[in-house]
C-alpha atoms as a PDB file:
ATOM      1  CA  UNK A   1     -10.752 -20.825 -25.324  1.00  0.00           C
ATOM      2  CA  UNK A   2     -12.120 -20.053 -21.731  1.00  0.00           C
ATOM      3  CA  UNK A   3     -12.216 -16.884 -20.184  1.00  0.00           C
ATOM      4  CA  UNK A   4     -10.839 -15.243 -17.478  1.00  0.00           C
ATOM      5  CA  UNK A   5     -14.023 -15.068 -15.421  1.00  0.00           C
ATOM      6  CA  UNK A   6     -13.740 -19.363 -15.604  1.00  0.00           C
ATOM      7  CA  UNK A   7     -10.598 -19.493 -15.026  1.00  0.00           C
ATOM      8  CA  UNK A   8     -11.219 -16.895 -11.033  1.00  0.00           C
ATOM      9  CA  UNK A   9     -14.275 -18.989 -10.410  1.00  0.00           C
ATOM     10  CA  UNK A  10     -13.452 -22.101 -10.360  1.00  0.00           C
ATOM     11  CA  UNK A  11     -10.133 -20.738  -8.473  1.00  0.00           C
ATOM     12  CA  UNK A  12     -12.598 -19.574  -6.235  1.00  0.00           C
ATOM     13  CA  UNK A  13     -14.379 -22.181  -5.485  1.00  0.00           C
ATOM     14  CA  UNK A  14     -11.136 -23.836  -4.855  1.00  0.00           C
ATOM     15  CA  UNK A  15      -9.803 -21.432  -2.594  1.00  0.00           C
ATOM     16  CA  UNK A  16     -12.972 -21.306  -0.535  1.00  0.00           C
ATOM     17  CA  UNK A  17     -13.178 -24.792  -0.249  1.00  0.00           C
ATOM     18  CA  UNK A  18      -9.460 -24.798   1.508  1.00  0.00           C
ATOM     19  CA  UNK A  19     -10.696 -21.854   3.133  1.00  0.00           C
ATOM     20  CA  UNK A  20     -11.831 -21.104   6.501  1.00  0.00           C
ATOM     21  CA  UNK A  21     -14.194 -17.889   5.040  1.00  0.00           C
ATOM     22  CA  UNK A  22     -15.337 -17.205   8.552  1.00  0.00           C
ATOM     23  CA  UNK A  23     -12.405 -15.989   9.339  1.00  0.00           C
ATOM     24  CA  UNK A  24     -10.307 -14.945   5.354  1.00  0.00           C
ATOM     25  CA  UNK A  25      -6.733 -14.551   5.049  1.00  0.00           C
ATOM     26  CA  UNK A  26      -6.168 -14.558   8.317  1.00  0.00           C
ATOM     27  CA  UNK A  27      -4.638 -18.064   9.438  1.00  0.00           C
ATOM     28  CA  UNK A  28      -1.099 -17.401   7.982  1.00  0.00           C
ATOM     29  CA  UNK A  29      -1.628 -21.068   5.666  1.00  0.00           C
ATOM     30  CA  UNK A  30      -4.668 -19.691   4.827  1.00  0.00           C
ATOM     31  CA  UNK A  31      -2.728 -16.478   3.416  1.00  0.00           C
ATOM     32  CA  UNK A  32      -0.363 -18.443   1.807  1.00  0.00           C
ATOM     33  CA  UNK A  33      -2.606 -20.408   0.109  1.00  0.00           C
ATOM     34  CA  UNK A  34      -4.448 -17.196  -1.865  1.00  0.00           C
ATOM     35  CA  UNK A  35      -0.969 -15.515  -1.625  1.00  0.00           C
ATOM     36  CA  UNK A  36      -0.028 -18.445  -3.722  1.00  0.00           C
ATOM     37  CA  UNK A  37      -2.919 -19.039  -5.724  1.00  0.00           C
ATOM     38  CA  UNK A  38      -2.907 -15.587  -6.755  1.00  0.00           C
ATOM     39  CA  UNK A  39       0.879 -15.469  -7.773  1.00  0.00           C
ATOM     40  CA  UNK A  40      -0.002 -18.270 -10.261  1.00  0.00           C
ATOM     41  CA  UNK A  41      -3.024 -17.073 -11.677  1.00  0.00           C
ATOM     42  CA  UNK A  42      -1.128 -13.744 -12.356  1.00  0.00           C
ATOM     43  CA  UNK A  43       1.791 -15.866 -13.493  1.00  0.00           C
ATOM     44  CA  UNK A  44      -1.009 -16.840 -16.188  1.00  0.00           C
ATOM     45  CA  UNK A  45      -1.265 -13.840 -17.331  1.00  0.00           C
ATOM     46  CA  UNK A  46      -5.447 -13.560 -15.839  1.00  0.00           C
ATOM     47  CA  UNK A  47      -7.012 -10.580 -15.039  1.00  0.00           C
ATOM     48  CA  UNK A  48      -6.682 -10.345 -10.954  1.00  0.00           C
ATOM     49  CA  UNK A  49      -9.432  -7.389 -10.780  1.00  0.00           C
ATOM     50  CA  UNK A  50     -10.626  -6.093  -7.843  1.00  0.00           C
ATOM     51  CA  UNK A  51     -14.162  -6.150  -8.589  1.00  0.00           C
ATOM     52  CA  UNK A  52     -14.053  -9.861 -10.524  1.00  0.00           C
ATOM     53  CA  UNK A  53     -12.429 -11.333  -7.200  1.00  0.00           C
ATOM     54  CA  UNK A  54     -14.958  -9.480  -4.834  1.00  0.00           C
ATOM     55  CA  UNK A  55     -17.915 -10.186  -6.485  1.00  0.00           C
ATOM     56  CA  UNK A  56     -16.766 -14.405  -6.586  1.00  0.00           C
ATOM     57  CA  UNK A  57     -16.273 -14.033  -2.852  1.00  0.00           C
ATOM     58  CA  UNK A  58     -19.282 -12.486  -1.625  1.00  0.00           C
ATOM     59  CA  UNK A  59     -21.154 -15.417  -4.295  1.00  0.00           C
ATOM     60  CA  UNK A  60     -19.352 -17.743  -2.401  1.00  0.00           C
ATOM     61  CA  UNK A  61     -20.034 -16.715   1.326  1.00  0.00           C
ATOM     62  CA  UNK A  62     -17.198 -14.609   2.160  1.00  0.00           C
ATOM     63  CA  UNK A  63     -17.863 -12.073   4.895  1.00  0.00           C
ATOM     64  CA  UNK A  64     -17.587  -8.720   3.606  1.00  0.00           C
ATOM     65  CA  UNK A  65     -14.523  -6.988   5.522  1.00  0.00           C
ATOM     66  CA  UNK A  66     -13.202 -10.723   4.589  1.00  0.00           C
ATOM     67  CA  UNK A  67     -14.207 -10.801   0.420  1.00  0.00           C
ATOM     68  CA  UNK A  68     -12.430  -6.512   0.917  1.00  0.00           C
ATOM     69  CA  UNK A  69      -9.335  -8.360   1.444  1.00  0.00           C
ATOM     70  CA  UNK A  70      -8.100 -10.654  -0.390  1.00  0.00           C
ATOM     71  CA  UNK A  71     -10.465  -8.528  -3.644  1.00  0.00           C
ATOM     72  CA  UNK A  72      -7.344  -6.498  -2.064  1.00  0.00           C
ATOM     73  CA  UNK A  73      -4.553  -9.303  -1.841  1.00  0.00           C
ATOM     74  CA  UNK A  74      -5.516 -10.084  -5.737  1.00  0.00           C
ATOM     75  CA  UNK A  75      -5.686  -6.244  -7.433  1.00  0.00           C
ATOM     76  CA  UNK A  76      -2.016  -6.129  -5.290  1.00  0.00           C
ATOM     77  CA  UNK A  77      -0.537  -9.904  -7.104  1.00  0.00           C
ATOM     78  CA  UNK A  78      -2.074  -8.857 -10.488  1.00  0.00           C
ATOM     79  CA  UNK A  79      -0.630  -5.288 -10.418  1.00  0.00           C
ATOM     80  CA  UNK A  80       2.772  -6.763 -10.230  1.00  0.00           C
ATOM     81  CA  UNK A  81       2.972  -5.980  -5.829  1.00  0.00           C
ATOM     82  CA  UNK A  82       4.949  -8.078  -3.986  1.00  0.00           C
ATOM     83  CA  UNK A  83       3.469 -10.387  -2.009  1.00  0.00           C
ATOM     84  CA  UNK A  84       6.206 -12.516   0.801  1.00  0.00           C
ATOM     85  CA  UNK A  85       4.871 -16.041   1.312  1.00  0.00           C
ATOM     86  CA  UNK A  86       5.959 -17.597   5.161  1.00  0.00           C
ATOM     87  CA  UNK A  87       4.243 -20.401   4.710  1.00  0.00           C
ATOM     88  CA  UNK A  88       5.170 -22.136   0.904  1.00  0.00           C
ATOM     89  CA  UNK A  89       2.232 -24.490   0.389  1.00  0.00           C
ATOM     90  CA  UNK A  90       3.391 -25.062  -3.230  1.00  0.00           C
ATOM     91  CA  UNK A  91       0.300 -25.344  -3.935  1.00  0.00           C
ATOM     92  CA  UNK A  92      -0.620 -22.617  -6.155  1.00  0.00           C
ATOM     93  CA  UNK A  93       1.035 -23.492  -8.770  1.00  0.00           C
ATOM     94  CA  UNK A  94       0.125 -27.577  -9.388  1.00  0.00           C
ATOM     95  CA  UNK A  95      -3.412 -25.713  -8.855  1.00  0.00           C
ATOM     96  CA  UNK A  96      -3.869 -23.343 -11.681  1.00  0.00           C
ATOM     97  CA  UNK A  97      -2.083 -26.144 -13.838  1.00  0.00           C
ATOM     98  CA  UNK A  98      -5.701 -28.068 -12.887  1.00  0.00           C
ATOM     99  CA  UNK A  99      -7.677 -25.434 -13.059  1.00  0.00           C
ATOM    100  CA  UNK A 100      -6.408 -24.961 -16.360  1.00  0.00           C
ATOM    101  CA  UNK A 101      -5.767 -28.157 -17.722  1.00  0.00           C
ATOM    102  CA  UNK A 102     -10.200 -29.023 -16.915  1.00  0.00           C
ATOM    103  CA  UNK A 103     -11.339 -25.678 -18.941  1.00  0.00           C
ATOM    104  CA  UNK A 104      -8.823 -27.083 -21.723  1.00  0.00           C
ATOM    105  CA  UNK A 105      -6.495 -23.617 -21.339  1.00  0.00           C
ATOM    106  CA  UNK A 106      -2.897 -24.343 -22.825  1.00  0.00           C
END
């Protein structure tokens, strides 16, 4: 079984590939993708700790303020906080399913 760290690394690789990291989550579709991804990870009981998400974002060249905002959002969702997705993309669940499949997790 793979660790949550490996799942987070893969999720951050994917999120970073589809989000304009220079603007963070300021674009509504980027925000929706991040929220959907973190919700799907939370549903799969992946730990969404602030420090882990922040460190992974910085590692992928997210500017500090955007890395902090992303980590804050992840932590909120990871703690069961409600978020509204204004522009649903139906992207999070299939993405997490793919990550779990690639890593051999149930």
